[in-house]
Amino acid sequence: MFFERHLENLLKHFIPGTTDPAVILDLLPLCRNYVRRVHVDQFLPPVQLPAQLRPGGQSDSGSEGEMEEPTVDHYQLGDLVAGLSHLEELDLVYDDGGKQLLEGMSDNKTLLEFDLRLSDVAQESEYLIGQALHANREAARQRALNPSHFMSTITANGPENSMG
């Protein structure tokens, strides 16, 4: 429970472009066997500083008071989720109608179940998330029906194929 709360607090207070991601990744070896649930109800936005003014009164970009766009707008959860071997529940709150959630799920081919009943996700995002989950379940079903790709490395290295 301590590791879960500590990890949640690090994620809640992570500021993209300011906080070093290694702070979170360095914790993974210590907590990977103990974290079963992570609940993050806020993601802080990156700090946006006004562009520095040159002595001539013009900023580097040529327009006054223009903010630079950050490269990342939240902590990238891929390495974190992959490093938590006993994670059973991941509860995230995004306040964008599900667009970031959909973007993150488009690369995740292992997620098979996802409950959106209590979420405030836009209808289009909910539909697309459902389609991604359906594709993942279908791919898992196909893998279960055709386990031969798992056996190919075992049979190739089996005793009947050994040299000697």
N, C-alpha and C. Protein backbone atom coordinates (compact mmCIF):
# COMPACT_ATOMS: atom_id res chain seq x y z
N MET A 1 0.82 -1.19 0.00
CA MET A 1 0.00 0.00 0.00
C MET A 1 0.87 1.26 0.00
N PHE A 2 1.98 1.22 0.73
CA PHE A 2 2.87 2.38 0.76
C PHE A 2 3.39 2.69 -0.64
N PHE A 3 3.86 1.64 -1.34
CA PHE A 3 4.42 1.86 -2.67
C PHE A 3 3.35 2.38 -3.63
N GLU A 4 2.14 1.88 -3.51
CA GLU A 4 1.06 2.36 -4.38
C GLU A 4 0.81 3.85 -4.17
N ARG A 5 0.69 4.26 -2.92
CA ARG A 5 0.44 5.68 -2.62
C ARG A 5 1.61 6.55 -3.04
N HIS A 6 2.82 6.08 -2.79
CA HIS A 6 4.00 6.86 -3.15
C HIS A 6 4.07 7.05 -4.67
N LEU A 7 3.84 5.97 -5.41
CA LEU A 7 3.85 6.04 -6.87
C LEU A 7 2.73 6.95 -7.37
N GLU A 8 1.56 6.86 -6.80
CA GLU A 8 0.44 7.74 -7.19
C GLU A 8 0.80 9.20 -6.97
N ASN A 9 1.41 9.51 -5.84
CA ASN A 9 1.79 10.90 -5.56
C ASN A 9 2.85 11.40 -6.53
N LEU A 10 3.80 10.55 -6.89
CA LEU A 10 4.80 10.96 -7.88
C LEU A 10 4.15 11.26 -9.22
N LEU A 11 3.21 10.42 -9.62
CA LEU A 11 2.53 10.63 -10.91
C LEU A 11 1.64 11.87 -10.88
N LYS A 12 0.96 12.10 -9.76
CA LYS A 12 0.08 13.27 -9.64
C LYS A 12 0.86 14.58 -9.67
N HIS A 13 2.07 14.56 -9.17
CA HIS A 13 2.87 15.78 -9.09
C HIS A 13 3.95 15.85 -10.16
N PHE A 14 3.90 14.95 -11.14
CA PHE A 14 4.85 14.97 -12.26
C PHE A 14 4.51 16.13 -13.18
N ILE A 15 5.50 16.96 -13.47
CA ILE A 15 5.31 18.09 -14.38
C ILE A 15 6.17 17.85 -15.61
N PRO A 16 5.55 17.62 -16.77
CA PRO A 16 6.31 17.36 -17.99
C PRO A 16 7.28 18.49 -18.30
N GLY A 17 8.49 18.12 -18.66
CA GLY A 17 9.51 19.10 -19.00
C GLY A 17 10.22 19.68 -17.80
N THR A 18 9.72 19.41 -16.60
CA THR A 18 10.33 19.92 -15.37
C THR A 18 10.81 18.77 -14.49
N THR A 19 9.92 17.82 -14.22
CA THR A 19 10.26 16.67 -13.39
C THR A 19 11.02 15.65 -14.22
N ASP A 20 12.05 15.07 -13.64
CA ASP A 20 12.84 14.05 -14.31
C ASP A 20 12.08 12.71 -14.27
N PRO A 21 11.78 12.10 -15.43
CA PRO A 21 11.07 10.81 -15.44
C PRO A 21 11.83 9.71 -14.72
N ALA A 22 13.14 9.85 -14.57
CA ALA A 22 13.93 8.84 -13.88
C ALA A 22 13.52 8.70 -12.42
N VAL A 23 12.93 9.75 -11.84
CA VAL A 23 12.46 9.69 -10.45
C VAL A 23 11.44 8.56 -10.31
N ILE A 24 10.57 8.43 -11.29
CA ILE A 24 9.54 7.39 -11.25
C ILE A 24 10.13 6.05 -11.68
N LEU A 25 10.91 6.04 -12.74
CA LEU A 25 11.47 4.79 -13.25
C LEU A 25 12.44 4.15 -12.27
N ASP A 26 13.16 4.94 -11.49
CA ASP A 26 14.09 4.39 -10.50
C ASP A 26 13.36 3.70 -9.35
N LEU A 27 12.10 4.01 -9.16
CA LEU A 27 11.30 3.40 -8.10
C LEU A 27 10.78 2.01 -8.52
N LEU A 28 10.71 1.74 -9.81
CA LEU A 28 10.12 0.49 -10.30
C LEU A 28 10.78 -0.77 -9.73
N PRO A 29 12.10 -0.89 -9.70
CA PRO A 29 12.69 -2.12 -9.15
C PRO A 29 12.29 -2.38 -7.70
N LEU A 30 12.04 -1.33 -6.95
CA LEU A 30 11.66 -1.48 -5.54
C LEU A 30 10.20 -1.88 -5.36
N CYS A 31 9.32 -1.37 -6.22
CA CYS A 31 7.89 -1.55 -5.97
C CYS A 31 7.20 -2.48 -6.96
N ARG A 32 7.90 -3.02 -7.94
CA ARG A 32 7.23 -3.80 -9.00
C ARG A 32 6.44 -5.00 -8.47
N ASN A 33 6.87 -5.61 -7.39
CA ASN A 33 6.17 -6.78 -6.86
C ASN A 33 5.07 -6.44 -5.86
N TYR A 34 4.93 -5.17 -5.51
CA TYR A 34 3.99 -4.79 -4.46
C TYR A 34 2.82 -3.94 -4.95
N VAL A 35 2.95 -3.32 -6.10
CA VAL A 35 1.90 -2.43 -6.60
C VAL A 35 0.88 -3.25 -7.38
N ARG A 36 -0.36 -3.24 -6.88
CA ARG A 36 -1.45 -3.94 -7.54
C ARG A 36 -2.45 -2.96 -8.16
N ARG A 37 -2.50 -1.75 -7.61
CA ARG A 37 -3.49 -0.78 -8.05
C ARG A 37 -2.85 0.61 -8.08
N VAL A 38 -3.13 1.36 -9.14
CA VAL A 38 -2.67 2.75 -9.23
C VAL A 38 -3.87 3.61 -9.61
N HIS A 39 -4.12 4.64 -8.82
CA HIS A 39 -5.22 5.57 -9.07
C HIS A 39 -4.63 6.97 -9.19
N VAL A 40 -4.74 7.56 -10.37
CA VAL A 40 -4.24 8.92 -10.60
C VAL A 40 -5.42 9.76 -11.05
N ASP A 41 -5.77 10.76 -10.23
CA ASP A 41 -6.94 11.57 -10.56
C ASP A 41 -6.58 12.95 -11.09
N GLN A 42 -5.30 13.18 -11.34
CA GLN A 42 -4.90 14.43 -11.97
C GLN A 42 -3.59 14.23 -12.71
N PHE A 43 -3.44 14.92 -13.78
CA PHE A 43 -2.18 15.00 -14.52
C PHE A 43 -1.87 16.47 -14.68
N LEU A 44 -0.75 16.89 -14.14
CA LEU A 44 -0.40 18.31 -14.21
C LEU A 44 0.07 18.68 -15.60
N PRO A 45 -0.31 19.85 -16.08
CA PRO A 45 0.16 20.30 -17.39
C PRO A 45 1.60 20.76 -17.31
N PRO A 46 2.28 20.83 -18.44
CA PRO A 46 3.65 21.34 -18.43
C PRO A 46 3.66 22.82 -18.08
N VAL A 47 4.78 23.25 -17.52
CA VAL A 47 4.95 24.67 -17.20
C VAL A 47 5.28 25.38 -18.51
N GLN A 48 4.52 26.42 -18.81
CA GLN A 48 4.76 27.17 -20.04
C GLN A 48 5.24 28.56 -19.66
N LEU A 49 6.49 28.80 -19.98
CA LEU A 49 7.09 30.10 -19.69
C LEU A 49 7.00 30.99 -20.92
N PRO A 50 6.81 32.28 -20.75
CA PRO A 50 6.83 33.17 -21.91
C PRO A 50 8.22 33.15 -22.53
N ALA A 51 8.26 33.33 -23.84
CA ALA A 51 9.54 33.34 -24.56
C ALA A 51 10.42 34.46 -24.04
N GLN A 52 11.71 34.19 -23.98
CA GLN A 52 12.67 35.19 -23.50
C GLN A 52 12.78 36.33 -24.51
N LEU A 53 12.81 37.54 -24.00
CA LEU A 53 12.94 38.70 -24.87
C LEU A 53 14.41 38.99 -25.14
N ARG A 54 14.71 39.31 -26.36
CA ARG A 54 16.07 39.72 -26.73
C ARG A 54 16.25 41.18 -26.37
N PRO A 55 17.49 41.66 -26.28
CA PRO A 55 17.72 43.06 -25.94
C PRO A 55 16.99 44.03 -26.86
N GLY A 56 16.75 43.68 -28.10
CA GLY A 56 16.06 44.55 -29.04
C GLY A 56 14.57 44.61 -28.79
N GLY A 57 14.06 43.84 -27.82
CA GLY A 57 12.63 43.90 -27.51
C GLY A 57 11.81 42.85 -28.24
N GLN A 58 12.45 41.99 -29.04
CA GLN A 58 11.71 40.96 -29.76
C GLN A 58 12.11 39.59 -29.22
N SER A 59 11.17 38.70 -29.17
CA SER A 59 11.45 37.35 -28.71
C SER A 59 12.09 36.56 -29.83
N ASP A 60 12.58 35.37 -29.51
CA ASP A 60 13.21 34.50 -30.50
C ASP A 60 12.25 34.13 -31.63
N SER A 61 10.99 33.97 -31.31
CA SER A 61 10.03 33.54 -32.33
C SER A 61 9.49 34.71 -33.14
N GLY A 62 9.74 35.91 -32.70
CA GLY A 62 9.30 37.07 -33.45
C GLY A 62 7.96 37.61 -33.01
N SER A 63 7.23 36.89 -32.17
CA SER A 63 5.95 37.41 -31.70
C SER A 63 5.99 37.56 -30.19
N GLU A 64 5.36 38.59 -29.70
CA GLU A 64 5.40 38.92 -28.28
C GLU A 64 4.52 37.98 -27.46
N GLY A 65 5.04 37.54 -26.33
CA GLY A 65 4.24 36.79 -25.37
C GLY A 65 3.78 35.43 -25.84
N GLU A 66 4.34 34.89 -26.89
CA GLU A 66 3.92 33.60 -27.41
C GLU A 66 4.52 32.48 -26.57
N MET A 67 3.70 31.51 -26.24
CA MET A 67 4.16 30.38 -25.44
C MET A 67 4.73 29.32 -26.38
N GLU A 68 5.80 28.65 -25.92
CA GLU A 68 6.35 27.55 -26.68
C GLU A 68 5.53 26.30 -26.38
N GLU A 69 5.31 25.48 -27.40
CA GLU A 69 4.54 24.27 -27.22
C GLU A 69 5.41 23.19 -26.60
N PRO A 70 4.92 22.50 -25.57
CA PRO A 70 5.69 21.42 -24.97
C PRO A 70 5.68 20.19 -25.87
N THR A 71 6.69 19.35 -25.72
CA THR A 71 6.73 18.14 -26.52
C THR A 71 5.85 17.05 -25.93
N VAL A 72 5.70 17.00 -24.61
CA VAL A 72 4.90 16.00 -23.93
C VAL A 72 3.96 16.70 -22.96
N ASP A 73 2.68 16.30 -22.94
CA ASP A 73 1.75 16.99 -22.06
C ASP A 73 1.38 16.19 -20.81
N HIS A 74 1.92 14.98 -20.64
CA HIS A 74 1.73 14.20 -19.42
C HIS A 74 2.79 13.11 -19.36
N TYR A 75 2.88 12.44 -18.23
CA TYR A 75 3.85 11.36 -18.07
C TYR A 75 3.48 10.20 -18.99
N GLN A 76 4.45 9.69 -19.72
CA GLN A 76 4.23 8.55 -20.60
C GLN A 76 4.20 7.28 -19.76
N LEU A 77 3.07 6.59 -19.73
CA LEU A 77 2.85 5.48 -18.82
C LEU A 77 3.35 4.13 -19.34
N GLY A 78 3.83 4.06 -20.56
CA GLY A 78 4.23 2.78 -21.15
C GLY A 78 5.26 2.03 -20.33
N ASP A 79 6.37 2.67 -20.00
CA ASP A 79 7.43 2.01 -19.23
C ASP A 79 6.97 1.67 -17.82
N LEU A 80 6.16 2.53 -17.26
CA LEU A 80 5.66 2.30 -15.90
C LEU A 80 4.79 1.05 -15.85
N VAL A 81 3.82 0.95 -16.75
CA VAL A 81 2.91 -0.19 -16.76
C VAL A 81 3.66 -1.48 -17.07
N ALA A 82 4.60 -1.41 -18.01
CA ALA A 82 5.39 -2.60 -18.35
C ALA A 82 6.25 -3.05 -17.18
N GLY A 83 6.68 -2.13 -16.34
CA GLY A 83 7.55 -2.48 -15.22
C GLY A 83 6.83 -2.96 -13.98
N LEU A 84 5.52 -2.82 -13.92
CA LEU A 84 4.76 -3.26 -12.73
C LEU A 84 4.16 -4.64 -13.01
N SER A 85 4.86 -5.67 -12.58
CA SER A 85 4.49 -7.04 -12.94
C SER A 85 3.19 -7.53 -12.30
N HIS A 86 2.76 -6.94 -11.20
CA HIS A 86 1.55 -7.41 -10.51
C HIS A 86 0.39 -6.40 -10.61
N LEU A 87 0.48 -5.46 -11.52
CA LEU A 87 -0.55 -4.44 -11.64
C LEU A 87 -1.86 -5.08 -12.12
N GLU A 88 -2.91 -4.88 -11.35
CA GLU A 88 -4.23 -5.42 -11.67
C GLU A 88 -5.22 -4.34 -12.07
N GLU A 89 -5.05 -3.14 -11.51
CA GLU A 89 -6.01 -2.07 -11.74
C GLU A 89 -5.28 -0.76 -11.97
N LEU A 90 -5.59 -0.11 -13.07
CA LEU A 90 -5.02 1.20 -13.41
C LEU A 90 -6.18 2.15 -13.61
N ASP A 91 -6.32 3.11 -12.72
CA ASP A 91 -7.44 4.04 -12.73
C ASP A 91 -6.89 5.44 -13.03
N LEU A 92 -7.18 5.94 -14.22
CA LEU A 92 -6.67 7.24 -14.66
C LEU A 92 -7.82 8.19 -14.94
N VAL A 93 -7.63 9.45 -14.61
CA VAL A 93 -8.64 10.46 -14.89
C VAL A 93 -8.03 11.49 -15.83
N TYR A 94 -8.56 11.55 -17.03
CA TYR A 94 -8.16 12.56 -18.01
C TYR A 94 -9.35 13.49 -18.19
N ASP A 95 -9.10 14.73 -18.41
CA ASP A 95 -10.20 15.69 -18.54
C ASP A 95 -10.25 16.23 -19.97
N ASP A 96 -10.24 15.32 -20.94
CA ASP A 96 -10.21 15.76 -22.34
C ASP A 96 -11.21 15.00 -23.21
N GLY A 97 -12.18 14.35 -22.60
CA GLY A 97 -13.17 13.62 -23.37
C GLY A 97 -12.67 12.27 -23.85
N GLY A 98 -11.54 11.80 -23.37
CA GLY A 98 -11.01 10.49 -23.73
C GLY A 98 -10.03 10.49 -24.88
N LYS A 99 -9.63 11.65 -25.38
CA LYS A 99 -8.72 11.69 -26.53
C LYS A 99 -7.34 11.14 -26.17
N GLN A 100 -6.81 11.53 -25.01
CA GLN A 100 -5.49 11.03 -24.60
C GLN A 100 -5.56 9.54 -24.29
N LEU A 101 -6.66 9.10 -23.71
CA LEU A 101 -6.84 7.69 -23.41
C LEU A 101 -6.85 6.88 -24.71
N LEU A 102 -7.57 7.34 -25.69
CA LEU A 102 -7.62 6.66 -26.98
C LEU A 102 -6.24 6.62 -27.62
N GLU A 103 -5.53 7.72 -27.55
CA GLU A 103 -4.18 7.78 -28.12
C GLU A 103 -3.26 6.77 -27.44
N GLY A 104 -3.34 6.67 -26.13
CA GLY A 104 -2.51 5.72 -25.40
C GLY A 104 -2.89 4.28 -25.67
N MET A 105 -4.18 4.03 -25.85
CA MET A 105 -4.63 2.66 -26.10
C MET A 105 -4.35 2.20 -27.52
N SER A 106 -4.15 3.10 -28.43
CA SER A 106 -3.93 2.69 -29.82
C SER A 106 -2.63 1.91 -29.97
N ASP A 107 -1.68 2.11 -29.07
CA ASP A 107 -0.42 1.38 -29.13
C ASP A 107 -0.40 0.17 -28.21
N ASN A 108 -1.38 0.01 -27.35
CA ASN A 108 -1.40 -1.08 -26.38
C ASN A 108 -2.21 -2.24 -26.95
N LYS A 109 -1.53 -3.32 -27.26
CA LYS A 109 -2.20 -4.49 -27.84
C LYS A 109 -2.51 -5.56 -26.80
N THR A 110 -2.21 -5.31 -25.52
CA THR A 110 -2.42 -6.32 -24.49
C THR A 110 -3.65 -6.06 -23.64
N LEU A 111 -4.22 -4.88 -23.69
CA LEU A 111 -5.38 -4.53 -22.88
C LEU A 111 -6.63 -5.16 -23.48
N LEU A 112 -7.32 -6.00 -22.68
CA LEU A 112 -8.48 -6.72 -23.19
C LEU A 112 -9.80 -6.24 -22.59
N GLU A 113 -9.77 -5.66 -21.41
CA GLU A 113 -10.98 -5.20 -20.72
C GLU A 113 -10.78 -3.77 -20.27
N PHE A 114 -11.84 -2.98 -20.37
CA PHE A 114 -11.76 -1.59 -19.93
C PHE A 114 -13.17 -1.11 -19.65
N ASP A 115 -13.41 -0.61 -18.45
CA ASP A 115 -14.75 -0.20 -18.04
C ASP A 115 -14.89 1.32 -18.18
N LEU A 116 -15.79 1.76 -19.06
CA LEU A 116 -16.02 3.18 -19.29
C LEU A 116 -17.36 3.65 -18.73
N ARG A 117 -18.03 2.83 -17.94
CA ARG A 117 -19.38 3.18 -17.48
C ARG A 117 -19.43 4.46 -16.67
N LEU A 118 -18.46 4.69 -15.81
CA LEU A 118 -18.49 5.87 -14.95
C LEU A 118 -17.60 6.99 -15.49
N SER A 119 -17.23 6.89 -16.72
CA SER A 119 -16.31 7.89 -17.28
C SER A 119 -17.07 8.99 -18.00
N ASP A 120 -16.39 10.08 -18.22
CA ASP A 120 -16.95 11.21 -18.95
C ASP A 120 -16.25 11.29 -20.30
N VAL A 121 -16.34 10.20 -21.05
CA VAL A 121 -15.67 10.08 -22.34
C VAL A 121 -16.65 10.43 -23.44
N ALA A 122 -16.18 11.17 -24.42
CA ALA A 122 -17.03 11.53 -25.55
C ALA A 122 -17.48 10.26 -26.27
N GLN A 123 -18.64 10.32 -26.88
CA GLN A 123 -19.22 9.15 -27.52
C GLN A 123 -18.32 8.59 -28.62
N GLU A 124 -17.71 9.45 -29.41
CA GLU A 124 -16.83 8.99 -30.48
C GLU A 124 -15.61 8.28 -29.91
N SER A 125 -15.00 8.84 -28.87
CA SER A 125 -13.85 8.20 -28.24
C SER A 125 -14.23 6.87 -27.62
N GLU A 126 -15.40 6.82 -26.99
CA GLU A 126 -15.86 5.57 -26.38
C GLU A 126 -16.01 4.48 -27.44
N TYR A 127 -16.56 4.83 -28.59
CA TYR A 127 -16.72 3.87 -29.68
C TYR A 127 -15.36 3.38 -30.16
N LEU A 128 -14.42 4.30 -30.38
CA LEU A 128 -13.11 3.91 -30.89
C LEU A 128 -12.33 3.08 -29.87
N ILE A 129 -12.48 3.40 -28.58
CA ILE A 129 -11.84 2.60 -27.54
C ILE A 129 -12.42 1.19 -27.54
N GLY A 130 -13.73 1.10 -27.69
CA GLY A 130 -14.38 -0.21 -27.77
C GLY A 130 -13.89 -1.01 -28.96
N GLN A 131 -13.67 -0.36 -30.08
CA GLN A 131 -13.15 -1.04 -31.26
C GLN A 131 -11.73 -1.54 -31.03
N ALA A 132 -10.90 -0.73 -30.38
CA ALA A 132 -9.52 -1.14 -30.08
C ALA A 132 -9.51 -2.35 -29.14
N LEU A 133 -10.38 -2.34 -28.13
CA LEU A 133 -10.46 -3.47 -27.21
C LEU A 133 -10.95 -4.72 -27.92
N HIS A 134 -11.92 -4.56 -28.80
CA HIS A 134 -12.43 -5.71 -29.57
C HIS A 134 -11.31 -6.30 -30.42
N ALA A 135 -10.52 -5.46 -31.06
CA ALA A 135 -9.40 -5.95 -31.88
C ALA A 135 -8.37 -6.68 -31.01
N ASN A 136 -8.10 -6.16 -29.83
CA ASN A 136 -7.16 -6.82 -28.92
C ASN A 136 -7.68 -8.19 -28.47
N ARG A 137 -8.98 -8.26 -28.14
CA ARG A 137 -9.56 -9.54 -27.73
C ARG A 137 -9.52 -10.55 -28.87
N GLU A 138 -9.80 -10.09 -30.07
CA GLU A 138 -9.77 -10.98 -31.23
C GLU A 138 -8.36 -11.49 -31.49
N ALA A 139 -7.37 -10.61 -31.37
CA ALA A 139 -5.97 -11.03 -31.55
C ALA A 139 -5.57 -12.04 -30.48
N ALA A 140 -6.01 -11.83 -29.24
CA ALA A 140 -5.70 -12.78 -28.16
C ALA A 140 -6.37 -14.12 -28.42
N ARG A 141 -7.60 -14.08 -28.93
CA ARG A 141 -8.31 -15.33 -29.25
C ARG A 141 -7.58 -16.09 -30.36
N GLN A 142 -7.12 -15.37 -31.37
CA GLN A 142 -6.38 -16.00 -32.46
C GLN A 142 -5.08 -16.62 -31.96
N ARG A 143 -4.40 -15.92 -31.05
CA ARG A 143 -3.16 -16.47 -30.48
C ARG A 143 -3.45 -17.74 -29.69
N ALA A 144 -4.58 -17.76 -28.97
CA ALA A 144 -4.94 -18.93 -28.17
C ALA A 144 -5.30 -20.11 -29.07
N LEU A 145 -5.94 -19.84 -30.20
CA LEU A 145 -6.32 -20.90 -31.12
C LEU A 145 -5.14 -21.43 -31.92
N ASN A 146 -4.13 -20.61 -32.10
CA ASN A 146 -2.98 -20.99 -32.92
C ASN A 146 -1.69 -20.79 -32.12
N PRO A 147 -1.42 -21.67 -31.17
CA PRO A 147 -0.23 -21.49 -30.33
C PRO A 147 1.06 -21.93 -31.02
N SER A 148 1.01 -22.26 -32.30
CA SER A 148 2.21 -22.76 -32.98
C SER A 148 3.34 -21.75 -33.01
N HIS A 149 3.04 -20.45 -33.03
CA HIS A 149 4.13 -19.47 -33.04
C HIS A 149 4.88 -19.45 -31.72
N PHE A 150 4.24 -19.94 -30.63
CA PHE A 150 4.95 -20.05 -29.35
C PHE A 150 5.87 -21.26 -29.36
N MET A 151 5.48 -22.32 -30.06
CA MET A 151 6.23 -23.57 -30.06
C MET A 151 7.38 -23.58 -31.05
N SER A 152 7.40 -22.66 -32.00
CA SER A 152 8.42 -22.70 -33.05
C SER A 152 9.83 -22.57 -32.49
N THR A 153 10.05 -21.74 -31.49
CA THR A 153 11.40 -21.59 -30.93
C THR A 153 11.76 -22.79 -30.07
N ILE A 154 10.77 -23.42 -29.43
CA ILE A 154 11.05 -24.58 -28.59
C ILE A 154 11.43 -25.77 -29.45
N THR A 155 10.67 -26.03 -30.53
CA THR A 155 10.96 -27.18 -31.37
C THR A 155 12.24 -26.98 -32.16
N ALA A 156 12.56 -25.75 -32.51
CA ALA A 156 13.80 -25.50 -33.25
C ALA A 156 15.02 -25.76 -32.37
N ASN A 157 14.88 -25.59 -31.06
CA ASN A 157 15.99 -25.81 -30.14
C ASN A 157 15.87 -27.13 -29.40
N GLY A 158 14.95 -27.98 -29.79
CA GLY A 158 14.72 -29.24 -29.09
C GLY A 158 15.88 -30.21 -29.24
N PRO A 159 15.87 -31.31 -28.46
CA PRO A 159 16.98 -32.26 -28.46
C PRO A 159 17.16 -32.98 -29.79
N GLU A 160 16.06 -33.19 -30.54
CA GLU A 160 16.20 -33.87 -31.83
C GLU A 160 16.91 -33.01 -32.87
N ASN A 161 16.95 -31.69 -32.66
CA ASN A 161 17.62 -30.78 -33.59
C ASN A 161 18.99 -30.36 -33.11
N SER A 162 19.45 -30.94 -32.01
CA SER A 162 20.74 -30.49 -31.47
C SER A 162 21.88 -31.06 -32.30
N MET A 163 22.93 -30.31 -32.36
CA MET A 163 24.10 -30.72 -33.12
C MET A 163 25.08 -31.36 -32.14
N GLY A 164 25.59 -32.51 -32.45
CA GLY A 164 26.53 -33.09 -31.51
C GLY A 164 26.52 -34.51 -31.58
